[in-house]
């Protein structure tokens, strides 16, 4: 089965088991065997990675685990978070279509449902002369898995009570990803940024955060072009990169 797309998912690799779909995609790039939109799918990752080296574990055959190779040379390196936004919106589009209307994106790249992690995105970029040469977009989505080691995780099945067809779900995700990617390529950054903020977990709400090992109260007010989270703390606007601020949930 192939998705109804122009290029995303038209070159498809399925591996029953692999260490990491992002790593497999990287090897295809190194060997010059991948066209834009090349997609690597697996039923089981043995060394799946999350943001900043965190591990990503999932039961075999019950979840979406894939990586897509893109060539967003229309983006400057400093604009790379726009790609995160487009990918996040594509996954949210899928979740909303499947009835999870309350799904949100938790900065910088987690998908949340009712305060629990539903999935994650890991984008690894290659930069050449201040532009994005290649991007490997890794997406993990908890679908039919029922039990997790962490109480902070959930799945589409847990949220809806439904069992989903993984293959059909992947094909639809690739279609929505291409739609959002083409929208980005056509310069719709302001539109996507607005949608991203409206779907941002705890946006414009006062909540506790951990900054420099101290608990503070702050309000998320936006995300800048570089992907830094803008938080108002004690009436001062501060910007945080990945790992410089933590949610207290």
Protein backbone atom coordinates (compact mmCIF):
# COMPACT_ATOMS: atom_id res chain seq x y z
CA UNK A 1 0.00 0.00 0.00
CA UNK A 2 1.24 3.48 -0.91
CA UNK A 3 -0.18 6.82 0.26
CA UNK A 4 -1.97 9.18 -2.10
CA UNK A 5 0.92 11.64 -2.22
CA UNK A 6 3.25 13.26 -4.73
CA UNK A 7 6.48 12.16 -3.06
CA UNK A 8 6.25 11.44 0.66
CA UNK A 9 6.07 7.67 1.10
CA UNK A 10 6.43 6.88 -2.59
CA UNK A 11 9.83 5.37 -1.82
CA UNK A 12 9.08 3.06 1.07
CA UNK A 13 11.28 0.79 3.16
CA UNK A 14 9.76 -1.60 5.67
CA UNK A 15 12.00 -3.26 8.24
CA UNK A 16 10.34 -5.70 10.68
CA UNK A 17 13.02 -4.86 13.26
CA UNK A 18 15.72 -2.17 13.33
CA UNK A 19 17.69 -0.19 15.89
CA UNK A 20 16.26 3.18 14.81
CA UNK A 21 14.35 4.33 11.74
CA UNK A 22 16.22 7.66 11.91
CA UNK A 23 19.53 5.79 11.78
CA UNK A 24 18.35 3.66 8.86
CA UNK A 25 17.23 6.80 7.01
CA UNK A 26 20.62 8.39 7.68
CA UNK A 27 22.36 5.39 6.09
CA UNK A 28 20.17 5.71 2.99
CA UNK A 29 21.23 9.34 2.70
CA UNK A 30 24.90 8.46 3.10
CA UNK A 31 24.60 5.84 0.36
CA UNK A 32 22.74 8.34 -1.86
CA UNK A 33 19.85 5.88 -2.13
CA UNK A 34 17.04 8.14 -0.92
CA UNK A 35 14.85 10.57 -2.80
CA UNK A 36 12.90 13.28 -0.99
CA UNK A 37 9.98 11.73 0.82
CA UNK A 38 11.72 8.40 1.32
CA UNK A 39 10.08 6.72 4.32
CA UNK A 40 11.43 4.03 6.65
CA UNK A 41 8.87 2.09 8.70
CA UNK A 42 9.39 -0.57 11.33
CA UNK A 43 7.31 -2.69 13.69
CA UNK A 44 10.02 -2.69 16.32
CA UNK A 45 12.86 -0.32 17.24
CA UNK A 46 15.48 -1.75 19.55
CA UNK A 47 17.27 1.56 20.14
CA UNK A 48 14.66 4.18 19.42
CA UNK A 49 15.72 7.71 20.30
CA UNK A 50 13.82 10.63 21.70
CA UNK A 51 14.80 14.27 22.01
CA UNK A 52 18.29 14.88 23.44
CA UNK A 53 19.15 11.19 23.66
CA UNK A 54 16.13 10.05 25.65
CA UNK A 55 15.04 6.51 24.83
CA UNK A 56 11.80 5.73 23.04
CA UNK A 57 10.28 2.35 23.82
CA UNK A 58 7.19 0.76 22.29
CA UNK A 59 5.68 -2.71 21.99
CA UNK A 60 6.34 -4.37 18.60
CA UNK A 61 3.61 -4.04 15.98
CA UNK A 62 1.28 -1.91 18.08
CA UNK A 63 2.44 1.61 17.26
CA UNK A 64 3.51 3.94 14.46
CA UNK A 65 7.28 4.15 14.17
CA UNK A 66 8.71 5.78 11.05
CA UNK A 67 11.15 8.30 9.60
CA UNK A 68 10.76 10.50 6.53
CA UNK A 69 13.61 12.13 4.62
CA UNK A 70 12.95 15.71 3.47
CA UNK A 71 15.03 18.34 1.68
CA UNK A 72 13.77 21.68 3.06
CA UNK A 73 16.42 23.85 1.39
CA UNK A 74 13.82 26.65 1.27
CA UNK A 75 14.39 27.10 5.02
CA UNK A 76 17.37 28.85 6.56
CA UNK A 77 19.05 27.01 9.40
CA UNK A 78 17.70 29.57 11.89
CA UNK A 79 14.16 28.73 10.68
CA UNK A 80 14.41 25.00 11.33
CA UNK A 81 11.73 25.04 14.03
CA UNK A 82 9.19 25.87 11.34
CA UNK A 83 9.61 22.27 10.20
CA UNK A 84 8.86 21.04 13.73
CA UNK A 85 5.69 23.10 13.63
CA UNK A 86 4.56 21.67 10.28
CA UNK A 87 5.25 18.09 11.36
CA UNK A 88 3.51 18.59 14.72
CA UNK A 89 0.44 19.96 12.94
CA UNK A 90 0.36 16.97 10.58
CA UNK A 91 0.32 14.53 13.51
CA UNK A 92 -2.34 16.62 15.25
CA UNK A 93 -4.40 16.59 12.05
CA UNK A 94 -4.29 12.78 12.13
CA UNK A 95 -5.23 12.59 15.80
CA UNK A 96 -8.10 15.01 15.37
CA UNK A 97 -9.39 13.01 12.39
CA UNK A 98 -9.37 9.89 14.55
CA UNK A 99 -11.51 11.48 17.22
CA UNK A 100 -8.84 12.74 19.61
CA UNK A 101 -9.97 16.32 19.36
CA UNK A 102 -8.29 17.37 22.61
CA UNK A 103 -4.82 16.27 21.46
CA UNK A 104 -2.15 18.95 21.89
CA UNK A 105 1.51 19.51 21.17
CA UNK A 106 3.78 19.89 24.19
CA UNK A 107 6.82 22.02 23.39
CA UNK A 108 9.12 21.22 21.85
CA UNK A 109 7.89 18.06 20.12
CA UNK A 110 5.67 15.77 22.17
CA UNK A 111 2.05 14.93 21.43
CA UNK A 112 -0.15 15.01 24.50
CA UNK A 113 -3.66 13.87 25.31
CA UNK A 114 -5.29 14.75 28.64
CA UNK A 115 -1.89 15.45 30.19
CA UNK A 116 -0.24 12.22 29.01
CA UNK A 117 2.30 11.56 26.26
CA UNK A 118 0.78 10.10 23.12
CA UNK A 119 3.75 10.41 20.78
CA UNK A 120 6.92 12.24 19.93
CA UNK A 121 8.84 13.79 17.05
CA UNK A 122 12.59 13.75 16.53
CA UNK A 123 13.97 15.83 13.65
CA UNK A 124 17.66 15.60 12.80
CA UNK A 125 18.91 18.23 10.36
CA UNK A 126 21.93 18.49 8.09
CA UNK A 127 22.93 22.11 7.50
CA UNK A 128 24.85 23.31 4.47
CA UNK A 129 25.74 26.98 3.88
CA UNK A 130 23.16 28.23 6.40
CA UNK A 131 20.27 26.28 4.85
CA UNK A 132 18.67 22.96 5.69
CA UNK A 133 20.06 20.42 3.26
CA UNK A 134 18.35 17.32 4.63
CA UNK A 135 15.99 16.60 7.49
CA UNK A 136 15.17 13.20 8.90
CA UNK A 137 11.75 13.40 10.53
CA UNK A 138 11.18 10.63 13.07
CA UNK A 139 7.64 10.12 14.34
CA UNK A 140 6.56 7.76 17.09
CA UNK A 141 2.89 7.45 17.95
CA UNK A 142 1.34 5.20 20.59
CA UNK A 143 -1.59 3.49 18.90
CA UNK A 144 -2.80 0.08 20.11
CA UNK A 145 -0.48 -0.41 23.09
CA UNK A 146 -2.41 -0.80 26.33
CA UNK A 147 0.22 -0.80 29.06
CA UNK A 148 3.23 1.45 29.64
CA UNK A 149 6.08 1.49 32.12
CA UNK A 150 5.32 5.13 32.80
CA UNK A 151 1.98 6.43 34.05
CA UNK A 152 2.61 9.61 32.04
CA UNK A 153 2.13 7.74 28.71
CA UNK A 154 -1.06 6.78 26.90
CA UNK A 155 -2.18 5.55 23.48
CA UNK A 156 -4.89 6.20 20.91
CA UNK A 157 -6.57 2.96 21.98
CA UNK A 158 -6.52 3.94 25.65
CA UNK A 159 -7.99 7.33 24.75
CA UNK A 160 -10.76 6.09 22.46
CA UNK A 161 -11.33 2.41 23.23
CA UNK A 162 -10.79 1.63 19.53
CA UNK A 163 -8.27 -0.64 17.84
CA UNK A 164 -6.67 1.03 14.82
CA UNK A 165 -5.29 -0.34 11.55
CA UNK A 166 -1.62 0.65 11.80
CA UNK A 167 -0.96 0.51 8.05
CA UNK A 168 -3.92 2.70 7.15
CA UNK A 169 -2.96 5.11 9.91
CA UNK A 170 0.58 5.41 8.53
CA UNK A 171 -0.64 6.04 4.98
CA UNK A 172 -2.96 8.79 6.20
CA UNK A 173 -0.20 10.33 8.31
CA UNK A 174 2.10 10.52 5.28
CA UNK A 175 -0.64 12.23 3.27
CA UNK A 176 -1.23 14.81 5.99
CA UNK A 177 2.51 15.31 6.43
CA UNK A 178 2.91 16.11 2.75
CA UNK A 179 -0.02 18.55 2.90
CA UNK A 180 1.56 20.43 5.83
CA UNK A 181 5.05 20.30 4.30
CA UNK A 182 3.82 21.77 1.00
CA UNK A 183 1.97 24.42 2.96
CA UNK A 184 5.25 25.29 4.69
CA UNK A 185 7.12 25.31 1.39
CA UNK A 186 4.54 27.77 0.05
CA UNK A 187 5.40 30.20 2.84
CA UNK A 188 2.42 29.68 5.16
CA UNK A 189 4.61 30.02 8.25
CA UNK A 190 2.43 32.60 10.00
CA UNK A 191 -0.68 30.46 9.52
CA UNK A 192 1.04 27.35 10.84
CA UNK A 193 2.59 29.17 13.75
CA UNK A 194 -0.83 30.48 14.79
CA UNK A 195 -2.32 26.96 14.61
CA UNK A 196 0.62 25.56 16.56
CA UNK A 197 0.16 28.08 19.38
CA UNK A 198 -3.56 27.37 19.58
CA UNK A 199 -2.75 23.68 20.03
CA UNK A 200 0.17 24.26 22.42
CA UNK A 201 -0.07 22.51 25.76
CA UNK A 202 -0.61 25.02 28.62
CA UNK A 203 -0.45 28.00 26.26
CA UNK A 204 -1.35 31.28 28.02
CA UNK A 205 -1.97 29.48 31.31
CA UNK A 206 -0.08 30.00 34.57
CA UNK A 207 1.68 26.79 35.63
CA UNK A 208 4.76 25.73 37.62
CA UNK A 209 8.02 25.08 35.77
CA UNK A 210 11.49 24.02 36.79
CA UNK A 211 14.24 26.51 35.86
CA UNK A 212 17.82 26.18 37.16
CA UNK A 213 16.58 23.53 39.62
CA UNK A 214 14.11 25.98 41.10
CA UNK A 215 10.35 25.89 40.83
CA UNK A 216 8.82 29.03 39.33
CA UNK A 217 5.39 30.03 38.10
CA UNK A 218 5.18 31.13 34.50
CA UNK A 219 2.92 31.60 31.53
CA UNK A 220 3.80 30.38 28.03
CA UNK A 221 3.21 33.25 25.62
CA UNK A 222 4.82 31.97 22.43
CA UNK A 223 7.65 30.29 20.55
CA UNK A 224 10.22 32.28 18.58
CA UNK A 225 11.68 31.51 15.16
CA UNK A 226 14.56 29.59 16.71
CA UNK A 227 12.16 27.35 18.59
CA UNK A 228 12.80 28.85 22.01
CA UNK A 229 9.86 28.84 24.39
CA UNK A 230 8.76 32.32 25.48
CA UNK A 231 7.61 32.30 29.10
CA UNK A 232 6.55 35.23 31.25
CA UNK A 233 7.97 34.79 34.75
CA UNK A 234 7.49 37.46 37.41
CA UNK A 235 6.34 39.91 34.73
CA UNK A 236 9.55 39.38 32.72
CA UNK A 237 9.65 37.66 29.32
CA UNK A 238 12.30 34.96 29.12
CA UNK A 239 13.28 32.58 26.30
CA UNK A 240 14.31 28.98 26.89
CA UNK A 241 16.01 26.45 24.61
CA UNK A 242 15.52 22.69 24.93
CA UNK A 243 16.28 21.34 28.40
CA UNK A 244 16.58 24.82 29.94
CA UNK A 245 13.04 24.63 31.30
CA UNK A 246 10.93 21.67 32.41
CA UNK A 247 7.21 21.28 32.89
CA UNK A 248 5.97 20.22 36.30
CA UNK A 249 3.05 17.92 35.56
